[in-house]
Amino acid sequence: MIEKDRESERYDKSELTVPILVDGIGTRISAASSLIGGKRKLAEMTDVSESQLHRIIAGDSKAKIDTIVAIAKATDVNIEWLATGEGPMLPGDELAAPAGFDIDLMGQIMAIFMDAAYTQKTAIPAKDIGEMAARAYVDILADFPDPENRQKALRQLATIANNITRLYG
């Protein structure tokens, strides 16, 4: 049996990507970017190109571990939440959701509406965003009880949210 050369087993840790189990990382990165003024600002703060950031958010590229760490630091979000969707988004935000409430889904929905408003440069009252998000949450849960099937609905919601925010403009 040929013994492997230990040097060939070394790797650059910055090249490691987060495993596939991080569905929704693009939505979480969008939500995190809204905390600091948007994706352009996030790209500047993390030295990640805007185009690469958009590819990660769209799911066309996997996020490297060092990129996720940089985004978490720049936006002050919990790295566990950013990478996996588990735990609170912000440190110290330990508010427990009611039983059966999918807080990650609601976070994704809120991020979609907030991102649409930011993209359209439209001020939408928080009450209206909350009401639209609550209605979308109920509809998505009713129409897509299996969490595996909700990503398509969330992509469609992004288009709808962009159209709705134009009405506020």
C-alpha atoms as a PDB file:
ATOM      1  CA  MET A   1       0.000   0.000   0.000  1.00  0.00           C
ATOM      2  CA  ILE A   2       1.350   3.380  -0.978  1.00  0.00           C
ATOM      3  CA  GLU A   3       1.516   5.879   1.846  1.00  0.00           C
ATOM      4  CA  LYS A   4       0.048   9.296   1.092  1.00  0.00           C
ATOM      5  CA  ASP A   5       2.318  12.287   1.134  1.00  0.00           C
ATOM      6  CA  ARG A   6       1.204  14.392   4.121  1.00  0.00           C
ATOM      7  CA  GLU A   7       2.087  17.600   2.286  1.00  0.00           C
ATOM      8  CA  SER A   8      -0.472  16.834  -0.433  1.00  0.00           C
ATOM      9  CA  GLU A   9      -3.210  16.560   2.213  1.00  0.00           C
ATOM     10  CA  ARG A  10      -2.762  20.148   3.331  1.00  0.00           C
ATOM     11  CA  TYR A  11      -5.329  22.650   2.205  1.00  0.00           C
ATOM     12  CA  ASP A  12      -5.998  26.330   2.340  1.00  0.00           C
ATOM     13  CA  LYS A  13      -8.702  26.873   4.980  1.00  0.00           C
ATOM     14  CA  SER A  14     -10.004  29.912   3.088  1.00  0.00           C
ATOM     15  CA  GLU A  15     -10.987  27.576   0.242  1.00  0.00           C
ATOM     16  CA  LEU A  16     -13.333  25.521   2.443  1.00  0.00           C
ATOM     17  CA  THR A  17     -16.970  25.979   1.587  1.00  0.00           C
ATOM     18  CA  VAL A  18     -19.938  25.542   3.858  1.00  0.00           C
ATOM     19  CA  PRO A  19     -21.727  22.228   3.310  1.00  0.00           C
ATOM     20  CA  ILE A  20     -25.001  22.076   1.429  1.00  0.00           C
ATOM     21  CA  LEU A  21     -27.022  21.907   4.649  1.00  0.00           C
ATOM     22  CA  VAL A  22     -27.065  25.696   4.812  1.00  0.00           C
ATOM     23  CA  ASP A  23     -30.140  26.178   2.631  1.00  0.00           C
ATOM     24  CA  GLY A  24     -31.262  29.764   2.754  1.00  0.00           C
ATOM     25  CA  ILE A  25     -27.830  31.266   3.376  1.00  0.00           C
ATOM     26  CA  GLY A  26     -28.425  33.768   0.572  1.00  0.00           C
ATOM     27  CA  THR A  27     -31.561  35.032   2.265  1.00  0.00           C
ATOM     28  CA  ARG A  28     -29.728  35.282   5.585  1.00  0.00           C
ATOM     29  CA  ILE A  29     -26.858  37.194   3.958  1.00  0.00           C
ATOM     30  CA  SER A  30     -29.413  39.600   2.430  1.00  0.00           C
ATOM     31  CA  ALA A  31     -31.047  40.073   5.821  1.00  0.00           C
ATOM     32  CA  ALA A  32     -27.669  40.667   7.452  1.00  0.00           C
ATOM     33  CA  SER A  33     -26.678  43.171   4.753  1.00  0.00           C
ATOM     34  CA  SER A  34     -29.844  45.182   5.402  1.00  0.00           C
ATOM     35  CA  LEU A  35     -28.576  45.795   8.948  1.00  0.00           C
ATOM     36  CA  ILE A  36     -25.607  47.785   7.632  1.00  0.00           C
ATOM     37  CA  GLY A  37     -27.073  49.520   4.603  1.00  0.00           C
ATOM     38  CA  GLY A  38     -27.194  46.898   1.889  1.00  0.00           C
ATOM     39  CA  LYS A  39     -25.170  44.530  -0.209  1.00  0.00           C
ATOM     40  CA  ARG A  40     -22.814  47.150  -1.665  1.00  0.00           C
ATOM     41  CA  LYS A  41     -21.799  48.232   1.832  1.00  0.00           C
ATOM     42  CA  LEU A  42     -21.386  44.593   2.879  1.00  0.00           C
ATOM     43  CA  ALA A  43     -19.144  43.932  -0.121  1.00  0.00           C
ATOM     44  CA  GLU A  44     -16.984  46.919   0.834  1.00  0.00           C
ATOM     45  CA  MET A  45     -16.742  45.864   4.474  1.00  0.00           C
ATOM     46  CA  THR A  46     -15.829  42.249   3.713  1.00  0.00           C
ATOM     47  CA  ASP A  47     -13.567  42.655   0.666  1.00  0.00           C
ATOM     48  CA  VAL A  48     -15.885  40.325  -1.254  1.00  0.00           C
ATOM     49  CA  SER A  49     -16.758  41.608  -4.714  1.00  0.00           C
ATOM     50  CA  GLU A  50     -20.361  42.626  -5.253  1.00  0.00           C
ATOM     51  CA  SER A  51     -20.661  40.124  -8.088  1.00  0.00           C
ATOM     52  CA  GLN A  52     -19.396  37.269  -5.892  1.00  0.00           C
ATOM     53  CA  LEU A  53     -21.735  38.334  -3.102  1.00  0.00           C
ATOM     54  CA  HIS A  54     -24.672  38.296  -5.537  1.00  0.00           C
ATOM     55  CA  ARG A  55     -23.662  34.817  -6.779  1.00  0.00           C
ATOM     56  CA  ILE A  56     -23.602  33.514  -3.198  1.00  0.00           C
ATOM     57  CA  ILE A  57     -26.980  35.099  -2.415  1.00  0.00           C
ATOM     58  CA  ALA A  58     -28.499  33.674  -5.606  1.00  0.00           C
ATOM     59  CA  GLY A  59     -27.137  30.220  -4.776  1.00  0.00           C
ATOM     60  CA  ASP A  60     -24.901  30.143  -7.849  1.00  0.00           C
ATOM     61  CA  SER A  61     -21.757  29.958  -5.700  1.00  0.00           C
ATOM     62  CA  LYS A  62     -20.982  28.432  -2.321  1.00  0.00           C
ATOM     63  CA  ALA A  63     -19.816  30.702   0.446  1.00  0.00           C
ATOM     64  CA  LYS A  64     -16.302  30.101   1.740  1.00  0.00           C
ATOM     65  CA  ILE A  65     -15.889  29.832   5.477  1.00  0.00           C
ATOM     66  CA  ASP A  66     -13.746  32.959   5.654  1.00  0.00           C
ATOM     67  CA  THR A  67     -16.446  34.854   3.740  1.00  0.00           C
ATOM     68  CA  ILE A  68     -19.137  33.756   6.188  1.00  0.00           C
ATOM     69  CA  VAL A  69     -16.944  34.774   9.120  1.00  0.00           C
ATOM     70  CA  ALA A  70     -16.273  38.176   7.524  1.00  0.00           C
ATOM     71  CA  ILE A  71     -19.988  38.752   6.877  1.00  0.00           C
ATOM     72  CA  ALA A  72     -20.900  37.772  10.445  1.00  0.00           C
ATOM     73  CA  LYS A  73     -18.282  40.146  11.860  1.00  0.00           C
ATOM     74  CA  ALA A  74     -19.229  43.030   9.555  1.00  0.00           C
ATOM     75  CA  THR A  75     -22.937  42.758  10.332  1.00  0.00           C
ATOM     76  CA  ASP A  76     -22.680  41.668  13.984  1.00  0.00           C
ATOM     77  CA  VAL A  77     -24.918  38.645  13.415  1.00  0.00           C
ATOM     78  CA  ASN A  78     -24.397  35.270  15.032  1.00  0.00           C
ATOM     79  CA  ILE A  79     -22.208  33.143  12.816  1.00  0.00           C
ATOM     80  CA  GLU A  80     -24.245  30.011  13.672  1.00  0.00           C
ATOM     81  CA  TRP A  81     -27.406  31.711  12.442  1.00  0.00           C
ATOM     82  CA  LEU A  82     -25.687  32.988   9.302  1.00  0.00           C
ATOM     83  CA  ALA A  83     -24.161  29.621   8.400  1.00  0.00           C
ATOM     84  CA  THR A  84     -27.001  27.295   9.402  1.00  0.00           C
ATOM     85  CA  GLY A  85     -30.110  29.341  10.106  1.00  0.00           C
ATOM     86  CA  GLU A  86     -30.179  28.026  13.663  1.00  0.00           C
ATOM     87  CA  GLY A  87     -30.173  30.163  16.769  1.00  0.00           C
ATOM     88  CA  PRO A  88     -30.914  33.860  17.055  1.00  0.00           C
ATOM     89  CA  MET A  89     -29.855  36.240  14.305  1.00  0.00           C
ATOM     90  CA  LEU A  90     -28.353  38.756  16.705  1.00  0.00           C
ATOM     91  CA  PRO A  91     -26.287  38.131  19.825  1.00  0.00           C
ATOM     92  CA  GLY A  92     -28.440  38.451  22.913  1.00  0.00           C
ATOM     93  CA  ASP A  93     -31.624  38.020  20.881  1.00  0.00           C
ATOM     94  CA  GLU A  94     -32.907  34.946  22.659  1.00  0.00           C
ATOM     95  CA  LEU A  95     -36.609  35.612  22.197  1.00  0.00           C
ATOM     96  CA  ALA A  96     -38.354  32.264  22.042  1.00  0.00           C
ATOM     97  CA  ALA A  97     -40.846  31.833  19.247  1.00  0.00           C
ATOM     98  CA  PRO A  98     -44.266  30.365  20.009  1.00  0.00           C
ATOM     99  CA  ALA A  99     -44.516  26.598  19.546  1.00  0.00           C
ATOM    100  CA  GLY A 100     -44.885  25.726  15.890  1.00  0.00           C
ATOM    101  CA  PHE A 101     -43.731  29.144  14.676  1.00  0.00           C
ATOM    102  CA  ASP A 102     -41.048  28.857  11.989  1.00  0.00           C
ATOM    103  CA  ILE A 103     -38.899  31.831  12.882  1.00  0.00           C
ATOM    104  CA  ASP A 104     -36.420  31.125  10.090  1.00  0.00           C
ATOM    105  CA  LEU A 105     -39.209  31.230   7.492  1.00  0.00           C
ATOM    106  CA  MET A 106     -40.518  34.496   8.921  1.00  0.00           C
ATOM    107  CA  GLY A 107     -36.986  35.897   8.888  1.00  0.00           C
ATOM    108  CA  GLN A 108     -36.618  34.952   5.233  1.00  0.00           C
ATOM    109  CA  ILE A 109     -39.960  36.551   4.375  1.00  0.00           C
ATOM    110  CA  MET A 110     -39.126  39.743   6.267  1.00  0.00           C
ATOM    111  CA  ALA A 111     -35.733  39.893   4.542  1.00  0.00           C
ATOM    112  CA  ILE A 112     -37.433  39.592   1.148  1.00  0.00           C
ATOM    113  CA  PHE A 113     -39.726  42.553   1.853  1.00  0.00           C
ATOM    114  CA  MET A 114     -36.943  44.636   3.403  1.00  0.00           C
ATOM    115  CA  ASP A 115     -34.604  43.858   0.508  1.00  0.00           C
ATOM    116  CA  ALA A 116     -37.295  44.784  -2.029  1.00  0.00           C
ATOM    117  CA  ALA A 117     -37.902  48.093  -0.273  1.00  0.00           C
ATOM    118  CA  TYR A 118     -34.163  48.803  -0.148  1.00  0.00           C
ATOM    119  CA  THR A 119     -33.666  47.844  -3.800  1.00  0.00           C
ATOM    120  CA  GLN A 120     -36.566  50.077  -4.895  1.00  0.00           C
ATOM    121  CA  LYS A 121     -35.327  52.837  -2.556  1.00  0.00           C
ATOM    122  CA  THR A 122     -38.820  52.948  -1.120  1.00  0.00           C
ATOM    123  CA  ALA A 123     -39.834  53.765   2.432  1.00  0.00           C
ATOM    124  CA  ILE A 124     -42.519  51.338   3.517  1.00  0.00           C
ATOM    125  CA  PRO A 125     -44.000  51.698   6.998  1.00  0.00           C
ATOM    126  CA  ALA A 126     -42.855  48.883   9.298  1.00  0.00           C
ATOM    127  CA  LYS A 127     -46.499  48.087  10.070  1.00  0.00           C
ATOM    128  CA  ASP A 128     -47.156  47.439   6.373  1.00  0.00           C
ATOM    129  CA  ILE A 129     -44.072  45.248   6.002  1.00  0.00           C
ATOM    130  CA  GLY A 130     -45.109  43.293   9.091  1.00  0.00           C
ATOM    131  CA  GLU A 131     -48.641  42.830   7.790  1.00  0.00           C
ATOM    132  CA  MET A 132     -47.470  41.708   4.340  1.00  0.00           C
ATOM    133  CA  ALA A 133     -44.935  39.334   5.881  1.00  0.00           C
ATOM    134  CA  ALA A 134     -47.531  37.841   8.223  1.00  0.00           C
ATOM    135  CA  ARG A 135     -49.928  37.219   5.343  1.00  0.00           C
ATOM    136  CA  ALA A 136     -47.174  35.679   3.209  1.00  0.00           C
ATOM    137  CA  TYR A 137     -46.109  33.482   6.147  1.00  0.00           C
ATOM    138  CA  VAL A 138     -49.635  32.103   6.612  1.00  0.00           C
ATOM    139  CA  ASP A 139     -50.056  31.525   2.863  1.00  0.00           C
ATOM    140  CA  ILE A 140     -46.698  29.781   2.458  1.00  0.00           C
ATOM    141  CA  LEU A 141     -47.328  27.509   5.451  1.00  0.00           C
ATOM    142  CA  ALA A 142     -50.776  26.615   4.111  1.00  0.00           C
ATOM    143  CA  ASP A 143     -49.650  26.007   0.529  1.00  0.00           C
ATOM    144  CA  PHE A 144     -46.252  24.440   1.287  1.00  0.00           C
ATOM    145  CA  PRO A 145     -46.433  22.448   4.547  1.00  0.00           C
ATOM    146  CA  ASP A 146     -43.185  20.633   3.646  1.00  0.00           C
ATOM    147  CA  PRO A 147     -40.227  22.994   4.291  1.00  0.00           C
ATOM    148  CA  GLU A 148     -38.306  21.383   1.424  1.00  0.00           C
ATOM    149  CA  ASN A 149     -40.766  22.879  -1.081  1.00  0.00           C
ATOM    150  CA  ARG A 150     -40.768  26.465   0.205  1.00  0.00           C
ATOM    151  CA  GLN A 151     -37.737  27.847  -1.659  1.00  0.00           C
ATOM    152  CA  LYS A 152     -39.679  28.206  -4.914  1.00  0.00           C
ATOM    153  CA  ALA A 153     -42.425  30.064  -3.049  1.00  0.00           C
ATOM    154  CA  LEU A 154     -39.842  32.382  -1.489  1.00  0.00           C
ATOM    155  CA  ARG A 155     -38.340  33.137  -4.925  1.00  0.00           C
ATOM    156  CA  GLN A 156     -41.820  33.964  -6.228  1.00  0.00           C
ATOM    157  CA  LEU A 157     -42.442  36.117  -3.168  1.00  0.00           C
ATOM    158  CA  ALA A 158     -39.319  38.141  -3.979  1.00  0.00           C
ATOM    159  CA  THR A 159     -40.790  39.032  -7.381  1.00  0.00           C
ATOM    160  CA  ILE A 160     -44.139  39.900  -5.805  1.00  0.00           C
ATOM    161  CA  ALA A 161     -42.455  41.993  -3.100  1.00  0.00           C
ATOM    162  CA  ASN A 162     -40.558  43.985  -5.736  1.00  0.00           C
ATOM    163  CA  ASN A 163     -43.819  44.713  -7.540  1.00  0.00           C
ATOM    164  CA  ILE A 164     -45.570  45.709  -4.310  1.00  0.00           C
ATOM    165  CA  THR A 165     -42.790  48.086  -3.268  1.00  0.00           C
ATOM    166  CA  ARG A 166     -43.106  49.888  -6.603  1.00  0.00           C
ATOM    167  CA  LEU A 167     -46.642  50.830  -5.530  1.00  0.00           C
ATOM    168  CA  TYR A 168     -45.193  52.671  -2.520  1.00  0.00           C
ATOM    169  CA  GLY A 169     -42.705  54.613  -4.679  1.00  0.00           C
END
